[in-house]
């Protein structure tokens, strides 16, 4: 069996633990591969390749999307395509079995919004600060997000007799499966098809999804760990320390050279008076944020602010987008 994983140049040197990435993948990849006996391939990505491929997802989606977490997936599939045509991938396991940290977060459980919002944005951050006040007033993105949330909540199938906490967790599972998972599946499909590669997702099998839907939360969290029931199911084929490893999200490059390159790219856009994105921005706020050492704030941490600016500007320019406000 051939297995594949992605890594980044000097990742061990630059890695910093975060709630979404508590541990480096490489040691665990090696542990599983040796234990199971696979022929493993680690695809190590250079910073230059990450920068050069940043706009590939935009062209594959025909609209701005996530940053390096999407372009790096393209590079992974591009390398895998040299050896194979089809592979299996694990999308949907977290949404179906409750693997994300927000399933256990009191903030997410009590917040009347999409459960991943507090975890990814942080309660103190304003994700709209980089937009011009005029644009925010006309478009009202916060109101739109709330409207979309309310519409999603109205769709949730209810189970009579559930207590409020169980009912809220049912909402969270529904939101993750119908609103968060489609983003990941489209990312997987677009990036694989962009290389002529096919990635199949067995955890999306409708029979599994339907069965697990009504498994009680206490069983899904067997052994008091996320996706506990799924981990137990694989206890006979994986090492015990792997079974107990804390959930870690798809890896990202934390190399400051990548951040520096995207920051400089974004600043060049800001300095261009003809850049189509300029009228949409609070230029003073954006420039200060991009020049700061934490250019990913504000905004979803899966996409840094420079990555967002670069993609939106290219989209407006290449696709001749006209905004009517």
C-alpha atoms as a PDB file:
ATOM      1  CA  UNK A   1       0.000   0.000   0.000  1.00  0.00           C
ATOM      2  CA  UNK A   2       1.287   3.445  -0.943  1.00  0.00           C
ATOM      3  CA  UNK A   3       0.541   6.319   1.419  1.00  0.00           C
ATOM      4  CA  UNK A   4       1.214  10.033   1.045  1.00  0.00           C
ATOM      5  CA  UNK A   5       1.548  13.041   3.297  1.00  0.00           C
ATOM      6  CA  UNK A   6       2.533  16.661   2.856  1.00  0.00           C
ATOM      7  CA  UNK A   7       5.299  18.499   4.676  1.00  0.00           C
ATOM      8  CA  UNK A   8       7.078  21.824   4.304  1.00  0.00           C
ATOM      9  CA  UNK A   9      10.732  22.783   4.140  1.00  0.00           C
ATOM     10  CA  UNK A  10      12.122  23.334   7.663  1.00  0.00           C
ATOM     11  CA  UNK A  11       8.713  22.613   9.206  1.00  0.00           C
ATOM     12  CA  UNK A  12      10.206  21.137  12.377  1.00  0.00           C
ATOM     13  CA  UNK A  13      12.316  24.259  12.908  1.00  0.00           C
ATOM     14  CA  UNK A  14       9.423  26.703  12.449  1.00  0.00           C
ATOM     15  CA  UNK A  15       6.577  24.699  14.001  1.00  0.00           C
ATOM     16  CA  UNK A  16       4.590  26.334  16.799  1.00  0.00           C
ATOM     17  CA  UNK A  17       1.782  24.476  18.511  1.00  0.00           C
ATOM     18  CA  UNK A  18      -1.704  25.982  18.138  1.00  0.00           C
ATOM     19  CA  UNK A  19      -5.185  24.763  19.160  1.00  0.00           C
ATOM     20  CA  UNK A  20      -5.798  23.594  15.590  1.00  0.00           C
ATOM     21  CA  UNK A  21      -2.270  22.184  15.136  1.00  0.00           C
ATOM     22  CA  UNK A  22      -1.136  20.887  18.543  1.00  0.00           C
ATOM     23  CA  UNK A  23       1.624  18.662  17.157  1.00  0.00           C
ATOM     24  CA  UNK A  24       3.807  18.233  14.100  1.00  0.00           C
ATOM     25  CA  UNK A  25       2.567  15.595  11.660  1.00  0.00           C
ATOM     26  CA  UNK A  26       5.875  14.133  10.462  1.00  0.00           C
ATOM     27  CA  UNK A  27       6.702  11.934  13.504  1.00  0.00           C
ATOM     28  CA  UNK A  28       3.180  10.507  13.524  1.00  0.00           C
ATOM     29  CA  UNK A  29       3.222   9.882   9.782  1.00  0.00           C
ATOM     30  CA  UNK A  30       6.435   7.891  10.213  1.00  0.00           C
ATOM     31  CA  UNK A  31       4.967   5.995  13.173  1.00  0.00           C
ATOM     32  CA  UNK A  32       1.851   4.898  11.287  1.00  0.00           C
ATOM     33  CA  UNK A  33       3.661   4.057   8.074  1.00  0.00           C
ATOM     34  CA  UNK A  34       6.218   1.850   9.825  1.00  0.00           C
ATOM     35  CA  UNK A  35       3.588   0.168  12.019  1.00  0.00           C
ATOM     36  CA  UNK A  36       1.192  -0.598   9.172  1.00  0.00           C
ATOM     37  CA  UNK A  37       3.985  -1.306   6.672  1.00  0.00           C
ATOM     38  CA  UNK A  38       3.090   1.084   3.880  1.00  0.00           C
ATOM     39  CA  UNK A  39       5.359   2.387   1.164  1.00  0.00           C
ATOM     40  CA  UNK A  40       5.223   6.005   2.237  1.00  0.00           C
ATOM     41  CA  UNK A  41       5.895   9.156   0.234  1.00  0.00           C
ATOM     42  CA  UNK A  42       6.370  12.498   1.958  1.00  0.00           C
ATOM     43  CA  UNK A  43       5.813  15.379  -0.438  1.00  0.00           C
ATOM     44  CA  UNK A  44       7.946  18.235   0.906  1.00  0.00           C
ATOM     45  CA  UNK A  45       6.894  21.633  -0.443  1.00  0.00           C
ATOM     46  CA  UNK A  46       9.259  24.565  -0.987  1.00  0.00           C
ATOM     47  CA  UNK A  47       8.161  28.067   0.030  1.00  0.00           C
ATOM     48  CA  UNK A  48       8.678  29.279  -3.532  1.00  0.00           C
ATOM     49  CA  UNK A  49       6.272  26.627  -4.831  1.00  0.00           C
ATOM     50  CA  UNK A  50       3.657  27.677  -2.286  1.00  0.00           C
ATOM     51  CA  UNK A  51       3.901  31.302  -3.392  1.00  0.00           C
ATOM     52  CA  UNK A  52       3.900  30.440  -7.089  1.00  0.00           C
ATOM     53  CA  UNK A  53       0.797  28.250  -6.745  1.00  0.00           C
ATOM     54  CA  UNK A  54      -1.208  30.654  -4.568  1.00  0.00           C
ATOM     55  CA  UNK A  55      -3.505  31.653  -7.441  1.00  0.00           C
ATOM     56  CA  UNK A  56      -4.105  28.097  -8.698  1.00  0.00           C
ATOM     57  CA  UNK A  57      -7.111  27.567  -6.375  1.00  0.00           C
ATOM     58  CA  UNK A  58      -8.628  30.846  -7.556  1.00  0.00           C
ATOM     59  CA  UNK A  59      -8.535  29.688 -11.162  1.00  0.00           C
ATOM     60  CA  UNK A  60      -9.766  26.192 -10.279  1.00  0.00           C
ATOM     61  CA  UNK A  61     -12.744  27.583  -8.324  1.00  0.00           C
ATOM     62  CA  UNK A  62     -13.333  30.736 -10.395  1.00  0.00           C
ATOM     63  CA  UNK A  63     -13.556  32.688  -7.147  1.00  0.00           C
ATOM     64  CA  UNK A  64     -11.285  33.470  -4.157  1.00  0.00           C
ATOM     65  CA  UNK A  65     -10.936  30.655  -1.666  1.00  0.00           C
ATOM     66  CA  UNK A  66      -8.583  29.576   1.118  1.00  0.00           C
ATOM     67  CA  UNK A  67      -4.859  30.291   0.899  1.00  0.00           C
ATOM     68  CA  UNK A  68      -1.970  27.876   1.326  1.00  0.00           C
ATOM     69  CA  UNK A  69      -4.146  25.111   2.783  1.00  0.00           C
ATOM     70  CA  UNK A  70      -5.645  24.839  -0.706  1.00  0.00           C
ATOM     71  CA  UNK A  71      -2.599  25.551  -2.868  1.00  0.00           C
ATOM     72  CA  UNK A  72      -0.518  23.034  -0.886  1.00  0.00           C
ATOM     73  CA  UNK A  73      -3.179  20.400  -1.500  1.00  0.00           C
ATOM     74  CA  UNK A  74      -2.843  21.088  -5.212  1.00  0.00           C
ATOM     75  CA  UNK A  75       0.918  20.514  -4.950  1.00  0.00           C
ATOM     76  CA  UNK A  76       0.334  17.275  -3.037  1.00  0.00           C
ATOM     77  CA  UNK A  77      -2.048  15.937  -5.683  1.00  0.00           C
ATOM     78  CA  UNK A  78       0.263  17.082  -8.456  1.00  0.00           C
ATOM     79  CA  UNK A  79       3.008  14.899  -6.975  1.00  0.00           C
ATOM     80  CA  UNK A  80       0.673  11.957  -6.318  1.00  0.00           C
ATOM     81  CA  UNK A  81      -0.546  12.069  -9.909  1.00  0.00           C
ATOM     82  CA  UNK A  82       2.915  10.955 -11.022  1.00  0.00           C
ATOM     83  CA  UNK A  83       2.327   7.593  -9.324  1.00  0.00           C
ATOM     84  CA  UNK A  84      -1.425   7.000  -9.369  1.00  0.00           C
ATOM     85  CA  UNK A  85      -4.814   8.124 -10.634  1.00  0.00           C
ATOM     86  CA  UNK A  86      -7.069   7.509  -7.604  1.00  0.00           C
ATOM     87  CA  UNK A  87      -6.562   7.797  -3.834  1.00  0.00           C
ATOM     88  CA  UNK A  88      -8.609   7.645  -0.647  1.00  0.00           C
ATOM     89  CA  UNK A  89      -8.845  10.615   1.690  1.00  0.00           C
ATOM     90  CA  UNK A  90     -10.339  11.161   5.124  1.00  0.00           C
ATOM     91  CA  UNK A  91     -12.647  14.167   4.687  1.00  0.00           C
ATOM     92  CA  UNK A  92     -15.933  14.009   6.658  1.00  0.00           C
ATOM     93  CA  UNK A  93     -14.635  11.961   9.600  1.00  0.00           C
ATOM     94  CA  UNK A  94     -14.486  15.067  11.805  1.00  0.00           C
ATOM     95  CA  UNK A  95     -17.891  16.327  10.708  1.00  0.00           C
ATOM     96  CA  UNK A  96     -19.576  12.940  11.096  1.00  0.00           C
ATOM     97  CA  UNK A  97     -17.919  11.821  14.346  1.00  0.00           C
ATOM     98  CA  UNK A  98     -17.340  15.206  16.047  1.00  0.00           C
ATOM     99  CA  UNK A  99     -13.603  15.659  15.727  1.00  0.00           C
ATOM    100  CA  UNK A 100     -13.204  19.427  15.776  1.00  0.00           C
ATOM    101  CA  UNK A 101     -12.403  21.281  19.026  1.00  0.00           C
ATOM    102  CA  UNK A 102     -15.558  23.384  18.744  1.00  0.00           C
ATOM    103  CA  UNK A 103     -17.715  20.313  19.359  1.00  0.00           C
ATOM    104  CA  UNK A 104     -16.470  20.469  22.961  1.00  0.00           C
ATOM    105  CA  UNK A 105     -16.183  24.239  23.273  1.00  0.00           C
ATOM    106  CA  UNK A 106     -18.535  25.921  25.745  1.00  0.00           C
ATOM    107  CA  UNK A 107     -18.209  29.142  23.738  1.00  0.00           C
ATOM    108  CA  UNK A 108     -19.232  27.419  20.504  1.00  0.00           C
ATOM    109  CA  UNK A 109     -22.044  25.554  22.229  1.00  0.00           C
ATOM    110  CA  UNK A 110     -23.494  28.767  23.638  1.00  0.00           C
ATOM    111  CA  UNK A 111     -22.877  31.104  20.697  1.00  0.00           C
ATOM    112  CA  UNK A 112     -25.767  31.536  18.292  1.00  0.00           C
ATOM    113  CA  UNK A 113     -23.597  31.371  15.199  1.00  0.00           C
ATOM    114  CA  UNK A 114     -21.720  28.833  13.156  1.00  0.00           C
ATOM    115  CA  UNK A 115     -19.764  26.810  15.766  1.00  0.00           C
ATOM    116  CA  UNK A 116     -16.391  27.215  14.032  1.00  0.00           C
ATOM    117  CA  UNK A 117     -16.564  31.013  14.042  1.00  0.00           C
ATOM    118  CA  UNK A 118     -15.325  31.604  17.638  1.00  0.00           C
ATOM    119  CA  UNK A 119     -12.604  28.957  17.279  1.00  0.00           C
ATOM    120  CA  UNK A 120     -11.234  30.314  14.012  1.00  0.00           C
ATOM    121  CA  UNK A 121     -11.776  34.027  14.506  1.00  0.00           C
ATOM    122  CA  UNK A 122     -11.361  34.523  18.234  1.00  0.00           C
ATOM    123  CA  UNK A 123     -13.990  36.432  20.230  1.00  0.00           C
ATOM    124  CA  UNK A 124     -11.956  39.639  20.434  1.00  0.00           C
ATOM    125  CA  UNK A 125     -11.265  40.061  16.708  1.00  0.00           C
ATOM    126  CA  UNK A 126     -13.273  41.997  14.144  1.00  0.00           C
ATOM    127  CA  UNK A 127     -13.152  39.968  10.905  1.00  0.00           C
ATOM    128  CA  UNK A 128     -14.489  42.943   8.917  1.00  0.00           C
ATOM    129  CA  UNK A 129     -11.956  45.570  10.012  1.00  0.00           C
ATOM    130  CA  UNK A 130     -10.054  45.402   6.723  1.00  0.00           C
ATOM    131  CA  UNK A 131     -13.123  46.354   4.646  1.00  0.00           C
ATOM    132  CA  UNK A 132     -14.162  49.948   4.041  1.00  0.00           C
ATOM    133  CA  UNK A 133     -16.938  51.215   6.305  1.00  0.00           C
ATOM    134  CA  UNK A 134     -18.983  52.151   3.242  1.00  0.00           C
ATOM    135  CA  UNK A 135     -18.778  48.628   1.835  1.00  0.00           C
ATOM    136  CA  UNK A 136     -19.723  47.047   5.174  1.00  0.00           C
ATOM    137  CA  UNK A 137     -22.700  49.400   5.495  1.00  0.00           C
ATOM    138  CA  UNK A 138     -23.973  48.587   1.995  1.00  0.00           C
ATOM    139  CA  UNK A 139     -23.307  44.866   1.923  1.00  0.00           C
ATOM    140  CA  UNK A 140     -23.928  44.116   5.631  1.00  0.00           C
ATOM    141  CA  UNK A 141     -21.888  40.887   5.682  1.00  0.00           C
ATOM    142  CA  UNK A 142     -22.466  40.236   9.401  1.00  0.00           C
ATOM    143  CA  UNK A 143     -26.211  40.377   8.866  1.00  0.00           C
ATOM    144  CA  UNK A 144     -25.877  38.060   5.874  1.00  0.00           C
ATOM    145  CA  UNK A 145     -23.911  35.502   7.918  1.00  0.00           C
ATOM    146  CA  UNK A 146     -26.536  35.624  10.654  1.00  0.00           C
ATOM    147  CA  UNK A 147     -29.298  35.172   8.080  1.00  0.00           C
ATOM    148  CA  UNK A 148     -27.526  32.139   6.630  1.00  0.00           C
ATOM    149  CA  UNK A 149     -27.071  30.704  10.116  1.00  0.00           C
ATOM    150  CA  UNK A 150     -30.760  31.105  10.959  1.00  0.00           C
ATOM    151  CA  UNK A 151     -31.775  29.463   7.693  1.00  0.00           C
ATOM    152  CA  UNK A 152     -29.481  26.509   8.419  1.00  0.00           C
ATOM    153  CA  UNK A 153     -30.811  26.101  11.964  1.00  0.00           C
ATOM    154  CA  UNK A 154     -34.369  25.965  10.627  1.00  0.00           C
ATOM    155  CA  UNK A 155     -33.403  22.923   8.545  1.00  0.00           C
ATOM    156  CA  UNK A 156     -32.073  20.819  11.438  1.00  0.00           C
ATOM    157  CA  UNK A 157     -34.027  17.576  11.920  1.00  0.00           C
ATOM    158  CA  UNK A 158     -35.063  17.327  15.560  1.00  0.00           C
ATOM    159  CA  UNK A 159     -35.257  14.337  17.876  1.00  0.00           C
ATOM    160  CA  UNK A 160     -38.159  14.499  20.273  1.00  0.00           C
ATOM    161  CA  UNK A 161     -37.207  14.357  23.924  1.00  0.00           C
ATOM    162  CA  UNK A 162     -33.614  15.563  23.574  1.00  0.00           C
ATOM    163  CA  UNK A 163     -32.314  17.848  26.308  1.00  0.00           C
ATOM    164  CA  UNK A 164     -31.111  21.340  25.246  1.00  0.00           C
ATOM    165  CA  UNK A 165     -27.409  20.389  25.204  1.00  0.00           C
ATOM    166  CA  UNK A 166     -28.001  17.303  23.050  1.00  0.00           C
ATOM    167  CA  UNK A 167     -30.217  19.351  20.733  1.00  0.00           C
ATOM    168  CA  UNK A 168     -27.484  21.976  20.377  1.00  0.00           C
ATOM    169  CA  UNK A 169     -24.908  19.317  19.539  1.00  0.00           C
ATOM    170  CA  UNK A 170     -27.290  17.953  16.914  1.00  0.00           C
ATOM    171  CA  UNK A 171     -27.384  21.460  15.432  1.00  0.00           C
ATOM    172  CA  UNK A 172     -23.586  21.571  15.423  1.00  0.00           C
ATOM    173  CA  UNK A 173     -23.327  18.250  13.607  1.00  0.00           C
ATOM    174  CA  UNK A 174     -25.856  19.399  11.026  1.00  0.00           C
ATOM    175  CA  UNK A 175     -24.078  22.724  10.476  1.00  0.00           C
ATOM    176  CA  UNK A 176     -20.714  21.001  10.109  1.00  0.00           C
ATOM    177  CA  UNK A 177     -22.017  18.417   7.666  1.00  0.00           C
ATOM    178  CA  UNK A 178     -24.080  20.785   5.510  1.00  0.00           C
ATOM    179  CA  UNK A 179     -22.096  24.062   5.710  1.00  0.00           C
ATOM    180  CA  UNK A 180     -18.463  23.351   6.675  1.00  0.00           C
ATOM    181  CA  UNK A 181     -17.902  19.991   4.977  1.00  0.00           C
ATOM    182  CA  UNK A 182     -18.973  21.191   1.489  1.00  0.00           C
ATOM    183  CA  UNK A 183     -16.108  23.715   1.577  1.00  0.00           C
ATOM    184  CA  UNK A 184     -13.621  20.903   2.254  1.00  0.00           C
ATOM    185  CA  UNK A 185     -15.135  18.576  -0.330  1.00  0.00           C
ATOM    186  CA  UNK A 186     -15.095  21.221  -3.043  1.00  0.00           C
ATOM    187  CA  UNK A 187     -11.503  22.060  -2.114  1.00  0.00           C
ATOM    188  CA  UNK A 188     -10.582  18.394  -2.422  1.00  0.00           C
ATOM    189  CA  UNK A 189     -12.461  17.931  -5.695  1.00  0.00           C
ATOM    190  CA  UNK A 190     -11.214  21.126  -7.361  1.00  0.00           C
ATOM    191  CA  UNK A 191      -7.574  20.606  -6.422  1.00  0.00           C
ATOM    192  CA  UNK A 192      -7.528  16.950  -7.423  1.00  0.00           C
ATOM    193  CA  UNK A 193      -9.313  17.550 -10.723  1.00  0.00           C
ATOM    194  CA  UNK A 194      -6.941  20.458 -11.462  1.00  0.00           C
ATOM    195  CA  UNK A 195      -4.212  17.818 -11.762  1.00  0.00           C
ATOM    196  CA  UNK A 196      -6.309  15.106 -13.419  1.00  0.00           C
ATOM    197  CA  UNK A 197      -6.355  13.167 -10.161  1.00  0.00           C
ATOM    198  CA  UNK A 198      -9.288  11.607  -8.289  1.00  0.00           C
ATOM    199  CA  UNK A 199      -9.602  11.595  -4.508  1.00  0.00           C
ATOM    200  CA  UNK A 200     -12.413   9.528  -3.042  1.00  0.00           C
ATOM    201  CA  UNK A 201     -13.887  10.090   0.417  1.00  0.00           C
ATOM    202  CA  UNK A 202     -15.204   6.887   2.057  1.00  0.00           C
ATOM    203  CA  UNK A 203     -16.326   8.686   5.241  1.00  0.00           C
ATOM    204  CA  UNK A 204     -18.955  10.410   3.072  1.00  0.00           C
ATOM    205  CA  UNK A 205     -20.678   7.102   2.340  1.00  0.00           C
ATOM    206  CA  UNK A 206     -24.330   7.936   2.989  1.00  0.00           C
ATOM    207  CA  UNK A 207     -24.902   4.691   4.912  1.00  0.00           C
ATOM    208  CA  UNK A 208     -22.165   5.577   7.401  1.00  0.00           C
ATOM    209  CA  UNK A 209     -23.335   9.196   7.705  1.00  0.00           C
ATOM    210  CA  UNK A 210     -26.953   8.174   8.307  1.00  0.00           C
ATOM    211  CA  UNK A 211     -26.012   5.529  10.865  1.00  0.00           C
ATOM    212  CA  UNK A 212     -23.639   7.730  12.871  1.00  0.00           C
ATOM    213  CA  UNK A 213     -26.108  10.665  12.872  1.00  0.00           C
ATOM    214  CA  UNK A 214     -28.084   9.185  15.780  1.00  0.00           C
ATOM    215  CA  UNK A 215     -25.215   7.636  17.732  1.00  0.00           C
ATOM    216  CA  UNK A 216     -25.290   9.427  21.115  1.00  0.00           C
ATOM    217  CA  UNK A 217     -22.577  11.998  21.778  1.00  0.00           C
ATOM    218  CA  UNK A 218     -21.272   9.976  24.739  1.00  0.00           C
ATOM    219  CA  UNK A 219     -20.560   7.042  22.406  1.00  0.00           C
ATOM    220  CA  UNK A 220     -18.983   9.213  19.723  1.00  0.00           C
ATOM    221  CA  UNK A 221     -16.698  10.562  22.450  1.00  0.00           C
ATOM    222  CA  UNK A 222     -15.787   7.126  23.816  1.00  0.00           C
ATOM    223  CA  UNK A 223     -12.712   7.217  26.057  1.00  0.00           C
ATOM    224  CA  UNK A 224     -13.262  10.985  26.388  1.00  0.00           C
ATOM    225  CA  UNK A 225     -11.454  11.790  23.151  1.00  0.00           C
ATOM    226  CA  UNK A 226     -12.716  13.258  19.906  1.00  0.00           C
ATOM    227  CA  UNK A 227     -13.982  10.619  17.446  1.00  0.00           C
ATOM    228  CA  UNK A 228     -13.528   8.068  20.227  1.00  0.00           C
ATOM    229  CA  UNK A 229     -15.821   5.453  18.695  1.00  0.00           C
ATOM    230  CA  UNK A 230     -13.946   5.685  15.393  1.00  0.00           C
ATOM    231  CA  UNK A 231     -10.610   5.362  17.163  1.00  0.00           C
ATOM    232  CA  UNK A 232     -11.846   2.233  18.940  1.00  0.00           C
ATOM    233  CA  UNK A 233     -12.857   0.774  15.589  1.00  0.00           C
ATOM    234  CA  UNK A 234      -9.238   1.011  14.424  1.00  0.00           C
ATOM    235  CA  UNK A 235      -7.621  -0.080  17.680  1.00  0.00           C
ATOM    236  CA  UNK A 236      -6.563  -3.415  16.209  1.00  0.00           C
ATOM    237  CA  UNK A 237      -4.718  -1.905  13.244  1.00  0.00           C
ATOM    238  CA  UNK A 238      -3.070   1.257  14.614  1.00  0.00           C
ATOM    239  CA  UNK A 239      -0.582   1.878  17.471  1.00  0.00           C
ATOM    240  CA  UNK A 240      -2.120   2.860  20.792  1.00  0.00           C
ATOM    241  CA  UNK A 241      -0.284   6.205  20.930  1.00  0.00           C
ATOM    242  CA  UNK A 242      -1.654   7.067  17.467  1.00  0.00           C
ATOM    243  CA  UNK A 243      -5.156   6.118  18.571  1.00  0.00           C
ATOM    244  CA  UNK A 244      -4.798   8.556  21.479  1.00  0.00           C
ATOM    245  CA  UNK A 245      -3.157  11.404  19.531  1.00  0.00           C
ATOM    246  CA  UNK A 246      -5.024  14.682  19.875  1.00  0.00           C
ATOM    247  CA  UNK A 247      -6.744  15.876  16.710  1.00  0.00           C
ATOM    248  CA  UNK A 248      -4.490  18.038  14.536  1.00  0.00           C
ATOM    249  CA  UNK A 249      -5.812  19.830  11.466  1.00  0.00           C
ATOM    250  CA  UNK A 250      -4.418  19.731   7.936  1.00  0.00           C
ATOM    251  CA  UNK A 251      -0.854  21.103   8.263  1.00  0.00           C
ATOM    252  CA  UNK A 252       0.277  24.562   7.190  1.00  0.00           C
ATOM    253  CA  UNK A 253       3.661  26.116   6.536  1.00  0.00           C
ATOM    254  CA  UNK A 254       4.724  28.376   9.375  1.00  0.00           C
ATOM    255  CA  UNK A 255       7.884  29.490   7.611  1.00  0.00           C
ATOM    256  CA  UNK A 256       8.332  33.283   7.940  1.00  0.00           C
ATOM    257  CA  UNK A 257       9.693  33.367   4.374  1.00  0.00           C
ATOM    258  CA  UNK A 258       6.248  32.469   3.046  1.00  0.00           C
ATOM    259  CA  UNK A 259       4.614  35.102   5.212  1.00  0.00           C
ATOM    260  CA  UNK A 260       7.199  37.659   4.068  1.00  0.00           C
ATOM    261  CA  UNK A 261       6.619  36.876   0.391  1.00  0.00           C
ATOM    262  CA  UNK A 262       2.827  37.125   0.590  1.00  0.00           C
ATOM    263  CA  UNK A 263       3.070  40.274   2.729  1.00  0.00           C
ATOM    264  CA  UNK A 264       5.293  41.984   0.142  1.00  0.00           C
ATOM    265  CA  UNK A 265       2.956  40.885  -2.644  1.00  0.00           C
ATOM    266  CA  UNK A 266      -0.041  42.329  -0.794  1.00  0.00           C
ATOM    267  CA  UNK A 267       1.809  45.612  -0.080  1.00  0.00           C
ATOM    268  CA  UNK A 268       2.566  45.991  -3.783  1.00  0.00           C
ATOM    269  CA  UNK A 269      -1.158  45.744  -4.431  1.00  0.00           C
ATOM    270  CA  UNK A 270      -1.899  48.340  -1.755  1.00  0.00           C
ATOM    271  CA  UNK A 271       0.650  50.708  -3.277  1.00  0.00           C
ATOM    272  CA  UNK A 272      -0.966  50.413  -6.726  1.00  0.00           C
ATOM    273  CA  UNK A 273      -3.602  53.185  -7.060  1.00  0.00           C
ATOM    274  CA  UNK A 274      -5.255  51.249  -9.908  1.00  0.00           C
ATOM    275  CA  UNK A 275      -5.603  47.957  -8.022  1.00  0.00           C
ATOM    276  CA  UNK A 276      -9.292  46.967  -8.309  1.00  0.00           C
ATOM    277  CA  UNK A 277      -9.469  45.945  -4.662  1.00  0.00           C
ATOM    278  CA  UNK A 278      -8.478  49.376  -3.351  1.00  0.00           C
ATOM    279  CA  UNK A 279     -12.015  50.890  -3.193  1.00  0.00           C
ATOM    280  CA  UNK A 280     -13.168  47.957  -1.058  1.00  0.00           C
ATOM    281  CA  UNK A 281     -10.585  48.459   1.674  1.00  0.00           C
ATOM    282  CA  UNK A 282      -9.907  50.614   4.659  1.00  0.00           C
ATOM    283  CA  UNK A 283      -6.433  51.315   3.300  1.00  0.00           C
ATOM    284  CA  UNK A 284      -4.965  52.629   6.549  1.00  0.00           C
ATOM    285  CA  UNK A 285      -6.155  49.661   8.587  1.00  0.00           C
ATOM    286  CA  UNK A 286      -5.139  47.128   5.943  1.00  0.00           C
ATOM    287  CA  UNK A 287      -1.649  48.549   5.506  1.00  0.00           C
ATOM    288  CA  UNK A 288      -1.053  48.480   9.261  1.00  0.00           C
ATOM    289  CA  UNK A 289      -2.292  44.902   9.483  1.00  0.00           C
ATOM    290  CA  UNK A 290      -0.268  43.637   6.535  1.00  0.00           C
ATOM    291  CA  UNK A 291       2.891  45.300   7.828  1.00  0.00           C
ATOM    292  CA  UNK A 292       2.388  43.776  11.266  1.00  0.00           C
ATOM    293  CA  UNK A 293       3.960  40.481  12.286  1.00  0.00           C
ATOM    294  CA  UNK A 294       0.521  38.843  12.513  1.00  0.00           C
ATOM    295  CA  UNK A 295      -0.901  39.498   9.074  1.00  0.00           C
ATOM    296  CA  UNK A 296      -3.478  36.769   9.540  1.00  0.00           C
ATOM    297  CA  UNK A 297      -5.513  38.957  11.899  1.00  0.00           C
ATOM    298  CA  UNK A 298      -8.269  39.824  11.474  1.00  0.00           C
ATOM    299  CA  UNK A 299      -9.842  37.191   9.290  1.00  0.00           C
ATOM    300  CA  UNK A 300     -10.242  33.457   9.294  1.00  0.00           C
ATOM    301  CA  UNK A 301      -6.911  31.967  10.259  1.00  0.00           C
ATOM    302  CA  UNK A 302      -7.202  29.425   7.486  1.00  0.00           C
ATOM    303  CA  UNK A 303      -6.594  32.385   5.177  1.00  0.00           C
ATOM    304  CA  UNK A 304      -4.108  35.117   6.049  1.00  0.00           C
ATOM    305  CA  UNK A 305      -5.013  38.694   5.209  1.00  0.00           C
ATOM    306  CA  UNK A 306      -2.293  38.985   2.512  1.00  0.00           C
ATOM    307  CA  UNK A 307      -3.528  35.774   0.870  1.00  0.00           C
ATOM    308  CA  UNK A 308      -7.065  37.144   0.925  1.00  0.00           C
ATOM    309  CA  UNK A 309      -6.057  40.485  -0.605  1.00  0.00           C
ATOM    310  CA  UNK A 310      -3.985  38.832  -3.336  1.00  0.00           C
ATOM    311  CA  UNK A 311      -6.756  36.491  -4.391  1.00  0.00           C
ATOM    312  CA  UNK A 312      -9.595  39.016  -4.335  1.00  0.00           C
ATOM    313  CA  UNK A 313      -7.561  41.550  -6.299  1.00  0.00           C
ATOM    314  CA  UNK A 314      -6.658  38.960  -8.939  1.00  0.00           C
ATOM    315  CA  UNK A 315     -10.275  37.790  -9.146  1.00  0.00           C
ATOM    316  CA  UNK A 316     -11.584  41.321  -9.665  1.00  0.00           C
ATOM    317  CA  UNK A 317      -8.938  41.980 -12.291  1.00  0.00           C
ATOM    318  CA  UNK A 318      -8.801  38.736 -14.279  1.00  0.00           C
ATOM    319  CA  UNK A 319     -12.508  37.962 -14.206  1.00  0.00           C
ATOM    320  CA  UNK A 320     -13.533  41.584 -14.876  1.00  0.00           C
ATOM    321  CA  UNK A 321     -15.817  41.616 -11.855  1.00  0.00           C
ATOM    322  CA  UNK A 322     -18.063  44.660 -11.540  1.00  0.00           C
ATOM    323  CA  UNK A 323     -19.615  45.431  -8.164  1.00  0.00           C
ATOM    324  CA  UNK A 324     -22.988  47.178  -8.142  1.00  0.00           C
ATOM    325  CA  UNK A 325     -23.650  48.579  -4.680  1.00  0.00           C
END
